Amino acid sequence: MNPHEPAGAPPTAQERAQVTAGRRATPAGDADGVGPAGQAVPAAGRTARRLRAEVLIVLGLSLGQSAVYAVVNLLARLTAGVPLAEQSTALNPPRAVRPYLDLAYQLLSIGFALVPVALALFLLSEPGRRATARIGFDGARPWRDLGAGAGLAALIGIPGLGLYALGRAMGLTVEVQASGLGEHWWTVPVLILAAAQNAVLEEVVVAGYLVERLERLGWRPAAVVATSAVMRGAYHLYQGIGPFVGNAVMGVVFAQYYRRRRRTMPLVLAHTLIDVVAFVGYALLPAGVLEALGLG
């Protein structure tokens, strides 16, 4: 404004009251802001665009990024000139030759992998309601969650071993070495922490956060479950086509469970149990037993 121009008459008390009333009548989440005359600007479309961008950012920083890498990795394997059945991949590989440096790197990797979980919980939080309570990621009912988690682990884990063996026999699955760590006093604790980290990251982001956001965007239940399941399968594609199918089936079961119960803690416990058995069992079983099971 030109400083030599008159500023105009100040608003009357009635005009100020109308502006204040307009602001109070409009929820903060339903408007872009207040216009020059104090009128609320609708923001339904803007909110949906922000939510879609938010989902892409969270996934891009976590499991969506892993899925893209896994797809490229699978393409590389399929074009390598070597059958999938003759290829292998190692989970939990060593990160340094010196044991204590390796331990430091392992712990740092586990810690930083949980940052997207903190981001997802932060974004799901609302005034007066904690995100952990919203998605059931708490200790409100430990024994019921543990029982449900153990049941889900048996339901998914036992058939999962059969699918892995079938995939190996059909040449659709690479040999998965569940632990590449050496024999150190800290090997088993680190593997247990890695199992818990995988479980927390996957279940909070893919079962809790993603389902919540897609439902808020108005997606149909079948589309929500399918998207969660395909995402879960996609970031396991580096293991081959068999693990993609197995994890997608797991994703359907877990997403449906979450939609009905609104609790991720049983899913986290189930996933942790499955991975602990795989990681620690692999580290402790003799080489002969692993070979007999087709795991070594």
C-alpha atoms as a PDB file:
ATOM      1  CA  MET A   1       0.000   0.000   0.000  1.00  0.00           C
ATOM      2  CA  ASN A   2       1.194   3.503  -0.810  1.00  0.00           C
ATOM      3  CA  PRO A   3       2.028   5.174   2.537  1.00  0.00           C
ATOM      4  CA  HIS A   4       0.467   8.435   1.302  1.00  0.00           C
ATOM      5  CA  GLU A   5      -2.904   6.809   0.616  1.00  0.00           C
ATOM      6  CA  PRO A   6      -5.525   6.783   3.394  1.00  0.00           C
ATOM      7  CA  ALA A   7      -5.780   3.436   5.176  1.00  0.00           C
ATOM      8  CA  GLY A   8      -9.526   3.603   5.189  1.00  0.00           C
ATOM      9  CA  ALA A   9     -11.994   3.497   8.050  1.00  0.00           C
ATOM     10  CA  PRO A  10     -11.362   0.847  10.724  1.00  0.00           C
ATOM     11  CA  PRO A  11     -13.820  -2.099  10.788  1.00  0.00           C
ATOM     12  CA  THR A  12     -16.888  -1.671  12.933  1.00  0.00           C
ATOM     13  CA  ALA A  13     -17.600  -3.877  15.940  1.00  0.00           C
ATOM     14  CA  GLN A  14     -20.276  -5.721  13.928  1.00  0.00           C
ATOM     15  CA  GLU A  15     -17.816  -6.463  11.089  1.00  0.00           C
ATOM     16  CA  ARG A  16     -15.205  -7.742  13.547  1.00  0.00           C
ATOM     17  CA  ALA A  17     -17.800 -10.011  15.159  1.00  0.00           C
ATOM     18  CA  GLN A  18     -18.786 -11.439  11.745  1.00  0.00           C
ATOM     19  CA  VAL A  19     -15.156 -12.223  10.909  1.00  0.00           C
ATOM     20  CA  THR A  20     -14.616 -13.907  14.288  1.00  0.00           C
ATOM     21  CA  ALA A  21     -17.793 -15.959  13.918  1.00  0.00           C
ATOM     22  CA  GLY A  22     -16.752 -17.095  10.460  1.00  0.00           C
ATOM     23  CA  ARG A  23     -13.416 -18.274  11.783  1.00  0.00           C
ATOM     24  CA  ARG A  24     -14.959 -20.163  14.678  1.00  0.00           C
ATOM     25  CA  ALA A  25     -17.558 -21.856  12.478  1.00  0.00           C
ATOM     26  CA  THR A  26     -14.957 -23.426  10.244  1.00  0.00           C
ATOM     27  CA  PRO A  27     -12.938 -26.419  11.583  1.00  0.00           C
ATOM     28  CA  ALA A  28      -9.202 -26.014  11.115  1.00  0.00           C
ATOM     29  CA  GLY A  29      -8.908 -29.192   9.102  1.00  0.00           C
ATOM     30  CA  ASP A  30     -11.678 -28.244   6.664  1.00  0.00           C
ATOM     31  CA  ALA A  31     -10.337 -24.978   5.317  1.00  0.00           C
ATOM     32  CA  ASP A  32      -7.241 -23.666   3.627  1.00  0.00           C
ATOM     33  CA  GLY A  33      -7.459 -20.516   5.692  1.00  0.00           C
ATOM     34  CA  VAL A  34      -9.387 -17.247   5.973  1.00  0.00           C
ATOM     35  CA  GLY A  35      -9.851 -14.975   3.013  1.00  0.00           C
ATOM     36  CA  PRO A  36      -9.496 -11.156   2.945  1.00  0.00           C
ATOM     37  CA  ALA A  37     -13.090 -10.699   4.153  1.00  0.00           C
ATOM     38  CA  GLY A  38     -12.714 -13.289   6.880  1.00  0.00           C
ATOM     39  CA  GLN A  39     -14.518 -15.997   4.903  1.00  0.00           C
ATOM     40  CA  ALA A  40     -13.317 -19.625   5.158  1.00  0.00           C
ATOM     41  CA  VAL A  41     -11.874 -21.204   2.021  1.00  0.00           C
ATOM     42  CA  PRO A  42     -12.957 -24.880   1.545  1.00  0.00           C
ATOM     43  CA  ALA A  43     -10.061 -27.336   1.339  1.00  0.00           C
ATOM     44  CA  ALA A  44     -11.456 -30.841   0.795  1.00  0.00           C
ATOM     45  CA  GLY A  45      -9.465 -31.280  -2.405  1.00  0.00           C
ATOM     46  CA  ARG A  46      -6.367 -29.759  -0.868  1.00  0.00           C
ATOM     47  CA  THR A  47      -6.607 -32.114   2.130  1.00  0.00           C
ATOM     48  CA  ALA A  48      -6.821 -35.161  -0.153  1.00  0.00           C
ATOM     49  CA  ARG A  49      -3.825 -33.981  -2.183  1.00  0.00           C
ATOM     50  CA  ARG A  50      -1.825 -33.407   0.986  1.00  0.00           C
ATOM     51  CA  LEU A  51      -2.723 -36.859   2.297  1.00  0.00           C
ATOM     52  CA  ARG A  52      -1.677 -38.527  -0.961  1.00  0.00           C
ATOM     53  CA  ALA A  53       1.601 -36.593  -0.922  1.00  0.00           C
ATOM     54  CA  GLU A  54       2.119 -37.506   2.740  1.00  0.00           C
ATOM     55  CA  VAL A  55       1.629 -41.232   2.001  1.00  0.00           C
ATOM     56  CA  LEU A  56       4.093 -41.088  -0.889  1.00  0.00           C
ATOM     57  CA  ILE A  57       6.675 -39.311   1.272  1.00  0.00           C
ATOM     58  CA  VAL A  58       6.364 -41.768   4.163  1.00  0.00           C
ATOM     59  CA  LEU A  59       6.576 -44.766   1.839  1.00  0.00           C
ATOM     60  CA  GLY A  60       9.396 -43.154  -0.135  1.00  0.00           C
ATOM     61  CA  LEU A  61      11.401 -42.841   3.057  1.00  0.00           C
ATOM     62  CA  SER A  62      10.712 -46.409   4.165  1.00  0.00           C
ATOM     63  CA  LEU A  63       9.152 -49.515   2.648  1.00  0.00           C
ATOM     64  CA  GLY A  64       8.156 -47.976  -0.669  1.00  0.00           C
ATOM     65  CA  GLN A  65      11.818 -47.273  -1.314  1.00  0.00           C
ATOM     66  CA  SER A  66      12.610 -50.882  -0.384  1.00  0.00           C
ATOM     67  CA  ALA A  67       9.926 -52.080  -2.803  1.00  0.00           C
ATOM     68  CA  VAL A  68      11.413 -50.140  -5.721  1.00  0.00           C
ATOM     69  CA  TYR A  69      14.885 -51.499  -4.999  1.00  0.00           C
ATOM     70  CA  ALA A  70      13.465 -55.016  -4.666  1.00  0.00           C
ATOM     71  CA  VAL A  71      11.789 -54.786  -8.086  1.00  0.00           C
ATOM     72  CA  VAL A  72      15.050 -53.661  -9.704  1.00  0.00           C
ATOM     73  CA  ASN A  73      16.917 -56.385  -7.830  1.00  0.00           C
ATOM     74  CA  LEU A  74      14.514 -59.048  -9.107  1.00  0.00           C
ATOM     75  CA  LEU A  75      14.893 -57.798 -12.680  1.00  0.00           C
ATOM     76  CA  ALA A  76      18.658 -57.980 -12.280  1.00  0.00           C
ATOM     77  CA  ARG A  77      18.393 -61.543 -11.007  1.00  0.00           C
ATOM     78  CA  LEU A  78      16.061 -62.636 -13.805  1.00  0.00           C
ATOM     79  CA  THR A  79      18.429 -61.241 -16.445  1.00  0.00           C
ATOM     80  CA  ALA A  80      21.644 -62.492 -14.841  1.00  0.00           C
ATOM     81  CA  GLY A  81      21.715 -65.702 -16.866  1.00  0.00           C
ATOM     82  CA  VAL A  82      21.600 -67.801 -13.689  1.00  0.00           C
ATOM     83  CA  PRO A  83      18.353 -69.485 -12.526  1.00  0.00           C
ATOM     84  CA  LEU A  84      16.784 -67.999  -9.396  1.00  0.00           C
ATOM     85  CA  ALA A  85      17.127 -71.335  -7.625  1.00  0.00           C
ATOM     86  CA  GLU A  86      20.913 -71.099  -7.953  1.00  0.00           C
ATOM     87  CA  GLN A  87      21.109 -67.575  -6.543  1.00  0.00           C
ATOM     88  CA  SER A  88      21.171 -66.546  -2.891  1.00  0.00           C
ATOM     89  CA  THR A  89      20.641 -63.533  -0.670  1.00  0.00           C
ATOM     90  CA  ALA A  90      21.786 -62.892   2.880  1.00  0.00           C
ATOM     91  CA  LEU A  91      19.715 -61.129   5.504  1.00  0.00           C
ATOM     92  CA  ASN A  92      21.416 -59.296   8.362  1.00  0.00           C
ATOM     93  CA  PRO A  93      24.847 -59.187   6.677  1.00  0.00           C
ATOM     94  CA  PRO A  94      27.951 -58.009   8.527  1.00  0.00           C
ATOM     95  CA  ARG A  95      28.733 -54.317   8.094  1.00  0.00           C
ATOM     96  CA  ALA A  96      32.360 -54.248   9.200  1.00  0.00           C
ATOM     97  CA  VAL A  97      35.257 -56.689   9.626  1.00  0.00           C
ATOM     98  CA  ARG A  98      36.035 -55.622  13.196  1.00  0.00           C
ATOM     99  CA  PRO A  99      33.406 -57.152  15.540  1.00  0.00           C
ATOM    100  CA  TYR A 100      32.724 -54.133  17.769  1.00  0.00           C
ATOM    101  CA  LEU A 101      32.544 -51.809  14.784  1.00  0.00           C
ATOM    102  CA  ASP A 102      30.126 -54.255  13.181  1.00  0.00           C
ATOM    103  CA  LEU A 103      28.039 -54.194  16.372  1.00  0.00           C
ATOM    104  CA  ALA A 104      27.962 -50.390  16.306  1.00  0.00           C
ATOM    105  CA  TYR A 105      26.831 -50.343  12.681  1.00  0.00           C
ATOM    106  CA  GLN A 106      24.171 -53.003  13.338  1.00  0.00           C
ATOM    107  CA  LEU A 107      22.675 -51.011  16.219  1.00  0.00           C
ATOM    108  CA  LEU A 108      22.775 -47.758  14.268  1.00  0.00           C
ATOM    109  CA  SER A 109      21.047 -49.418  11.317  1.00  0.00           C
ATOM    110  CA  ILE A 110      18.290 -50.773  13.568  1.00  0.00           C
ATOM    111  CA  GLY A 111      17.798 -47.414  15.245  1.00  0.00           C
ATOM    112  CA  PHE A 112      17.639 -45.303  12.103  1.00  0.00           C
ATOM    113  CA  ALA A 113      15.309 -47.805  10.410  1.00  0.00           C
ATOM    114  CA  LEU A 114      12.698 -46.883  13.035  1.00  0.00           C
ATOM    115  CA  VAL A 115      12.691 -43.165  12.185  1.00  0.00           C
ATOM    116  CA  PRO A 116       9.890 -43.605   9.572  1.00  0.00           C
ATOM    117  CA  VAL A 117       7.839 -45.252  12.337  1.00  0.00           C
ATOM    118  CA  ALA A 118       8.214 -42.127  14.460  1.00  0.00           C
ATOM    119  CA  LEU A 119       7.209 -40.019  11.435  1.00  0.00           C
ATOM    120  CA  ALA A 120       4.100 -42.138  10.745  1.00  0.00           C
ATOM    121  CA  LEU A 121       3.019 -41.956  14.393  1.00  0.00           C
ATOM    122  CA  PHE A 122       3.612 -38.205  14.445  1.00  0.00           C
ATOM    123  CA  LEU A 123       1.447 -37.733  11.347  1.00  0.00           C
ATOM    124  CA  LEU A 124      -1.334 -39.929  12.746  1.00  0.00           C
ATOM    125  CA  SER A 125      -1.456 -38.088  16.058  1.00  0.00           C
ATOM    126  CA  GLU A 126      -4.385 -35.787  16.733  1.00  0.00           C
ATOM    127  CA  PRO A 127      -5.172 -33.349  19.546  1.00  0.00           C
ATOM    128  CA  GLY A 128      -6.372 -35.354  22.517  1.00  0.00           C
ATOM    129  CA  ARG A 129      -5.619 -38.736  20.952  1.00  0.00           C
ATOM    130  CA  ARG A 130      -2.246 -40.494  20.838  1.00  0.00           C
ATOM    131  CA  ALA A 131      -1.351 -42.235  17.583  1.00  0.00           C
ATOM    132  CA  THR A 132      -0.152 -45.308  19.490  1.00  0.00           C
ATOM    133  CA  ALA A 133      -3.620 -45.715  20.985  1.00  0.00           C
ATOM    134  CA  ARG A 134      -5.276 -44.951  17.646  1.00  0.00           C
ATOM    135  CA  ILE A 135      -3.593 -47.900  15.903  1.00  0.00           C
ATOM    136  CA  GLY A 136      -3.346 -50.157  18.953  1.00  0.00           C
ATOM    137  CA  PHE A 137       0.431 -49.986  19.205  1.00  0.00           C
ATOM    138  CA  ASP A 138       0.484 -50.040  22.998  1.00  0.00           C
ATOM    139  CA  GLY A 139       0.458 -52.323  26.007  1.00  0.00           C
ATOM    140  CA  ALA A 140      -3.201 -51.880  26.885  1.00  0.00           C
ATOM    141  CA  ARG A 141      -3.946 -55.632  26.741  1.00  0.00           C
ATOM    142  CA  PRO A 142      -0.640 -57.531  26.702  1.00  0.00           C
ATOM    143  CA  TRP A 143      -1.859 -61.090  27.258  1.00  0.00           C
ATOM    144  CA  ARG A 144      -4.631 -60.933  24.664  1.00  0.00           C
ATOM    145  CA  ASP A 145      -2.220 -59.385  22.166  1.00  0.00           C
ATOM    146  CA  LEU A 146       0.401 -62.039  22.903  1.00  0.00           C
ATOM    147  CA  GLY A 147      -2.121 -64.840  22.419  1.00  0.00           C
ATOM    148  CA  ALA A 148      -3.379 -63.337  19.170  1.00  0.00           C
ATOM    149  CA  GLY A 149       0.192 -62.739  18.009  1.00  0.00           C
ATOM    150  CA  ALA A 150       1.224 -66.326  18.704  1.00  0.00           C
ATOM    151  CA  GLY A 151      -1.809 -67.591  16.807  1.00  0.00           C
ATOM    152  CA  LEU A 152      -1.086 -65.369  13.835  1.00  0.00           C
ATOM    153  CA  ALA A 153       2.574 -66.422  13.872  1.00  0.00           C
ATOM    154  CA  ALA A 154       1.571 -70.085  13.668  1.00  0.00           C
ATOM    155  CA  LEU A 155      -1.036 -69.350  10.992  1.00  0.00           C
ATOM    156  CA  ILE A 156       1.473 -67.495   8.803  1.00  0.00           C
ATOM    157  CA  GLY A 157       4.858 -68.961   9.782  1.00  0.00           C
ATOM    158  CA  ILE A 158       4.227 -72.672   9.283  1.00  0.00           C
ATOM    159  CA  PRO A 159       2.640 -72.368   5.801  1.00  0.00           C
ATOM    160  CA  GLY A 160       5.347 -69.811   5.009  1.00  0.00           C
ATOM    161  CA  LEU A 161       8.052 -72.447   5.385  1.00  0.00           C
ATOM    162  CA  GLY A 162       6.103 -74.703   3.039  1.00  0.00           C
ATOM    163  CA  LEU A 163       5.768 -71.914   0.464  1.00  0.00           C
ATOM    164  CA  TYR A 164       9.492 -71.238   0.703  1.00  0.00           C
ATOM    165  CA  ALA A 165      10.305 -74.921   0.094  1.00  0.00           C
ATOM    166  CA  LEU A 166       7.806 -75.058  -2.782  1.00  0.00           C
ATOM    167  CA  GLY A 167       9.263 -71.913  -4.323  1.00  0.00           C
ATOM    168  CA  ARG A 168      12.765 -73.355  -4.093  1.00  0.00           C
ATOM    169  CA  ALA A 169      11.595 -76.577  -5.739  1.00  0.00           C
ATOM    170  CA  MET A 170       9.906 -74.656  -8.558  1.00  0.00           C
ATOM    171  CA  GLY A 171      12.892 -72.381  -9.086  1.00  0.00           C
ATOM    172  CA  LEU A 172      10.954 -69.239  -8.127  1.00  0.00           C
ATOM    173  CA  THR A 173      12.809 -68.439  -4.907  1.00  0.00           C
ATOM    174  CA  VAL A 174      16.439 -67.691  -4.202  1.00  0.00           C
ATOM    175  CA  GLU A 175      18.290 -69.310  -1.321  1.00  0.00           C
ATOM    176  CA  VAL A 176      17.710 -67.067   1.704  1.00  0.00           C
ATOM    177  CA  GLN A 177      20.438 -67.019   4.334  1.00  0.00           C
ATOM    178  CA  ALA A 178      18.664 -65.512   7.324  1.00  0.00           C
ATOM    179  CA  SER A 179      21.839 -64.435   9.110  1.00  0.00           C
ATOM    180  CA  GLY A 180      25.216 -63.495   7.737  1.00  0.00           C
ATOM    181  CA  LEU A 181      26.607 -62.432  11.109  1.00  0.00           C
ATOM    182  CA  GLY A 182      29.554 -64.257  12.598  1.00  0.00           C
ATOM    183  CA  GLU A 183      29.629 -66.001  15.954  1.00  0.00           C
ATOM    184  CA  HIS A 184      29.869 -63.234  18.559  1.00  0.00           C
ATOM    185  CA  TRP A 185      28.405 -62.805  22.027  1.00  0.00           C
ATOM    186  CA  TRP A 186      26.110 -60.134  20.614  1.00  0.00           C
ATOM    187  CA  THR A 187      24.901 -62.031  17.531  1.00  0.00           C
ATOM    188  CA  VAL A 188      21.678 -63.425  19.000  1.00  0.00           C
ATOM    189  CA  PRO A 189      20.644 -60.183  20.787  1.00  0.00           C
ATOM    190  CA  VAL A 190      21.225 -58.196  17.592  1.00  0.00           C
ATOM    191  CA  LEU A 191      19.196 -60.687  15.558  1.00  0.00           C
ATOM    192  CA  ILE A 192      16.331 -60.403  18.046  1.00  0.00           C
ATOM    193  CA  LEU A 193      16.496 -56.612  17.845  1.00  0.00           C
ATOM    194  CA  ALA A 194      16.532 -56.821  14.035  1.00  0.00           C
ATOM    195  CA  ALA A 195      13.451 -59.048  14.119  1.00  0.00           C
ATOM    196  CA  ALA A 196      11.623 -56.575  16.375  1.00  0.00           C
ATOM    197  CA  GLN A 197      12.704 -53.644  14.195  1.00  0.00           C
ATOM    198  CA  ASN A 198      11.376 -55.337  11.044  1.00  0.00           C
ATOM    199  CA  ALA A 199       8.094 -56.079  12.781  1.00  0.00           C
ATOM    200  CA  VAL A 200       7.573 -52.572  14.149  1.00  0.00           C
ATOM    201  CA  LEU A 201       8.487 -50.881  10.854  1.00  0.00           C
ATOM    202  CA  GLU A 202       6.337 -53.088   8.658  1.00  0.00           C
ATOM    203  CA  GLU A 203       3.259 -53.357  10.852  1.00  0.00           C
ATOM    204  CA  VAL A 204       3.088 -49.715  11.930  1.00  0.00           C
ATOM    205  CA  VAL A 205       3.675 -48.388   8.413  1.00  0.00           C
ATOM    206  CA  VAL A 206       1.969 -50.965   6.169  1.00  0.00           C
ATOM    207  CA  ALA A 207      -0.773 -52.330   8.423  1.00  0.00           C
ATOM    208  CA  GLY A 208      -1.502 -49.295  10.594  1.00  0.00           C
ATOM    209  CA  TYR A 209      -0.534 -46.035   8.911  1.00  0.00           C
ATOM    210  CA  LEU A 210      -1.234 -47.054   5.302  1.00  0.00           C
ATOM    211  CA  VAL A 211      -4.647 -48.583   6.050  1.00  0.00           C
ATOM    212  CA  GLU A 212      -5.661 -45.544   8.100  1.00  0.00           C
ATOM    213  CA  ARG A 213      -4.643 -43.090   5.400  1.00  0.00           C
ATOM    214  CA  LEU A 214      -6.194 -45.000   2.485  1.00  0.00           C
ATOM    215  CA  GLU A 215      -9.463 -45.309   4.380  1.00  0.00           C
ATOM    216  CA  ARG A 216      -9.435 -41.573   5.075  1.00  0.00           C
ATOM    217  CA  LEU A 217      -8.945 -40.992   1.355  1.00  0.00           C
ATOM    218  CA  GLY A 218     -12.171 -42.932   0.775  1.00  0.00           C
ATOM    219  CA  TRP A 219     -10.732 -46.103  -0.740  1.00  0.00           C
ATOM    220  CA  ARG A 220     -12.890 -49.228  -0.767  1.00  0.00           C
ATOM    221  CA  PRO A 221     -11.974 -51.932   1.792  1.00  0.00           C
ATOM    222  CA  ALA A 222     -10.879 -54.402  -0.898  1.00  0.00           C
ATOM    223  CA  ALA A 223      -8.575 -51.803  -2.464  1.00  0.00           C
ATOM    224  CA  VAL A 224      -7.103 -50.884   0.923  1.00  0.00           C
ATOM    225  CA  VAL A 225      -6.332 -54.509   1.772  1.00  0.00           C
ATOM    226  CA  ALA A 226      -4.974 -55.260  -1.706  1.00  0.00           C
ATOM    227  CA  THR A 227      -2.671 -52.219  -1.666  1.00  0.00           C
ATOM    228  CA  SER A 228      -1.296 -53.078   1.770  1.00  0.00           C
ATOM    229  CA  ALA A 229      -0.763 -56.699   0.734  1.00  0.00           C
ATOM    230  CA  VAL A 230       0.922 -55.887  -2.592  1.00  0.00           C
ATOM    231  CA  MET A 231       3.209 -53.385  -0.859  1.00  0.00           C
ATOM    232  CA  ARG A 232       4.208 -56.039   1.680  1.00  0.00           C
ATOM    233  CA  GLY A 233       4.934 -58.525  -1.063  1.00  0.00           C
ATOM    234  CA  ALA A 234       6.776 -56.002  -3.248  1.00  0.00           C
ATOM    235  CA  TYR A 235       9.587 -55.217  -0.826  1.00  0.00           C
ATOM    236  CA  HIS A 236      10.286 -58.950  -0.530  1.00  0.00           C
ATOM    237  CA  LEU A 237      10.726 -59.412  -4.294  1.00  0.00           C
ATOM    238  CA  TYR A 238      14.516 -59.495  -3.917  1.00  0.00           C
ATOM    239  CA  GLN A 239      13.971 -63.014  -2.508  1.00  0.00           C
ATOM    240  CA  GLY A 240      12.093 -64.141  -5.602  1.00  0.00           C
ATOM    241  CA  ILE A 241       8.521 -64.580  -6.776  1.00  0.00           C
ATOM    242  CA  GLY A 242       7.637 -67.189  -4.137  1.00  0.00           C
ATOM    243  CA  PRO A 243       8.267 -64.851  -1.171  1.00  0.00           C
ATOM    244  CA  PHE A 244       6.282 -62.132  -2.944  1.00  0.00           C
ATOM    245  CA  VAL A 245       3.236 -64.413  -3.032  1.00  0.00           C
ATOM    246  CA  GLY A 246       3.729 -65.631   0.530  1.00  0.00           C
ATOM    247  CA  ASN A 247       4.134 -62.133   1.951  1.00  0.00           C
ATOM    248  CA  ALA A 248       1.211 -60.802  -0.070  1.00  0.00           C
ATOM    249  CA  VAL A 249      -0.990 -63.497   1.484  1.00  0.00           C
ATOM    250  CA  MET A 250       0.369 -62.511   4.887  1.00  0.00           C
ATOM    251  CA  GLY A 251      -0.461 -58.910   4.006  1.00  0.00           C
ATOM    252  CA  VAL A 252      -4.101 -59.784   3.278  1.00  0.00           C
ATOM    253  CA  VAL A 253      -4.461 -61.552   6.630  1.00  0.00           C
ATOM    254  CA  PHE A 254      -2.734 -58.801   8.599  1.00  0.00           C
ATOM    255  CA  ALA A 255      -4.547 -55.924   6.886  1.00  0.00           C
ATOM    256  CA  GLN A 256      -7.909 -57.586   7.448  1.00  0.00           C
ATOM    257  CA  TYR A 257      -7.027 -58.234  11.075  1.00  0.00           C
ATOM    258  CA  TYR A 258      -6.110 -54.589  11.550  1.00  0.00           C
ATOM    259  CA  ARG A 259      -9.278 -53.349   9.875  1.00  0.00           C
ATOM    260  CA  ARG A 260     -11.381 -55.467  12.226  1.00  0.00           C
ATOM    261  CA  ARG A 261      -9.442 -55.026  15.474  1.00  0.00           C
ATOM    262  CA  ARG A 262      -7.621 -51.690  15.008  1.00  0.00           C
ATOM    263  CA  ARG A 263      -4.595 -53.062  16.837  1.00  0.00           C
ATOM    264  CA  THR A 264      -1.097 -53.403  15.404  1.00  0.00           C
ATOM    265  CA  MET A 265       0.501 -54.838  18.559  1.00  0.00           C
ATOM    266  CA  PRO A 266      -0.626 -58.441  17.865  1.00  0.00           C
ATOM    267  CA  LEU A 267       0.762 -58.079  14.336  1.00  0.00           C
ATOM    268  CA  VAL A 268       4.068 -56.744  15.667  1.00  0.00           C
ATOM    269  CA  LEU A 269       4.328 -59.659  18.127  1.00  0.00           C
ATOM    270  CA  ALA A 270       3.459 -62.220  15.430  1.00  0.00           C
ATOM    271  CA  HIS A 271       5.967 -60.762  12.983  1.00  0.00           C
ATOM    272  CA  THR A 272       8.666 -60.617  15.670  1.00  0.00           C
ATOM    273  CA  LEU A 273       8.121 -64.279  16.568  1.00  0.00           C
ATOM    274  CA  ILE A 274       8.320 -65.340  12.919  1.00  0.00           C
ATOM    275  CA  ASP A 275      11.547 -63.429  12.312  1.00  0.00           C
ATOM    276  CA  VAL A 276      13.169 -64.485  15.598  1.00  0.00           C
ATOM    277  CA  VAL A 277      12.587 -68.138  14.720  1.00  0.00           C
ATOM    278  CA  ALA A 278      14.018 -67.540  11.239  1.00  0.00           C
ATOM    279  CA  PHE A 279      17.013 -65.406  12.255  1.00  0.00           C
ATOM    280  CA  VAL A 280      18.050 -67.033  15.515  1.00  0.00           C
ATOM    281  CA  GLY A 281      17.163 -70.537  14.376  1.00  0.00           C
ATOM    282  CA  TYR A 282      19.327 -70.052  11.302  1.00  0.00           C
ATOM    283  CA  ALA A 283      22.213 -68.795  13.431  1.00  0.00           C
ATOM    284  CA  LEU A 284      22.001 -71.664  15.916  1.00  0.00           C
ATOM    285  CA  LEU A 285      21.202 -74.688  13.734  1.00  0.00           C
ATOM    286  CA  PRO A 286      24.154 -76.796  12.490  1.00  0.00           C
ATOM    287  CA  ALA A 287      25.055 -76.535   8.811  1.00  0.00           C
ATOM    288  CA  GLY A 288      23.913 -80.120   8.169  1.00  0.00           C
ATOM    289  CA  VAL A 289      20.428 -79.417   9.489  1.00  0.00           C
ATOM    290  CA  LEU A 290      20.186 -76.250   7.440  1.00  0.00           C
ATOM    291  CA  GLU A 291      21.144 -78.141   4.301  1.00  0.00           C
ATOM    292  CA  ALA A 292      18.562 -80.824   4.993  1.00  0.00           C
ATOM    293  CA  LEU A 293      15.896 -78.110   5.312  1.00  0.00           C
ATOM    294  CA  GLY A 294      17.095 -76.448   2.111  1.00  0.00           C
ATOM    295  CA  LEU A 295      18.144 -73.323   4.010  1.00  0.00           C
ATOM    296  CA  GLY A 296      21.896 -73.559   3.741  1.00  0.00           C
END
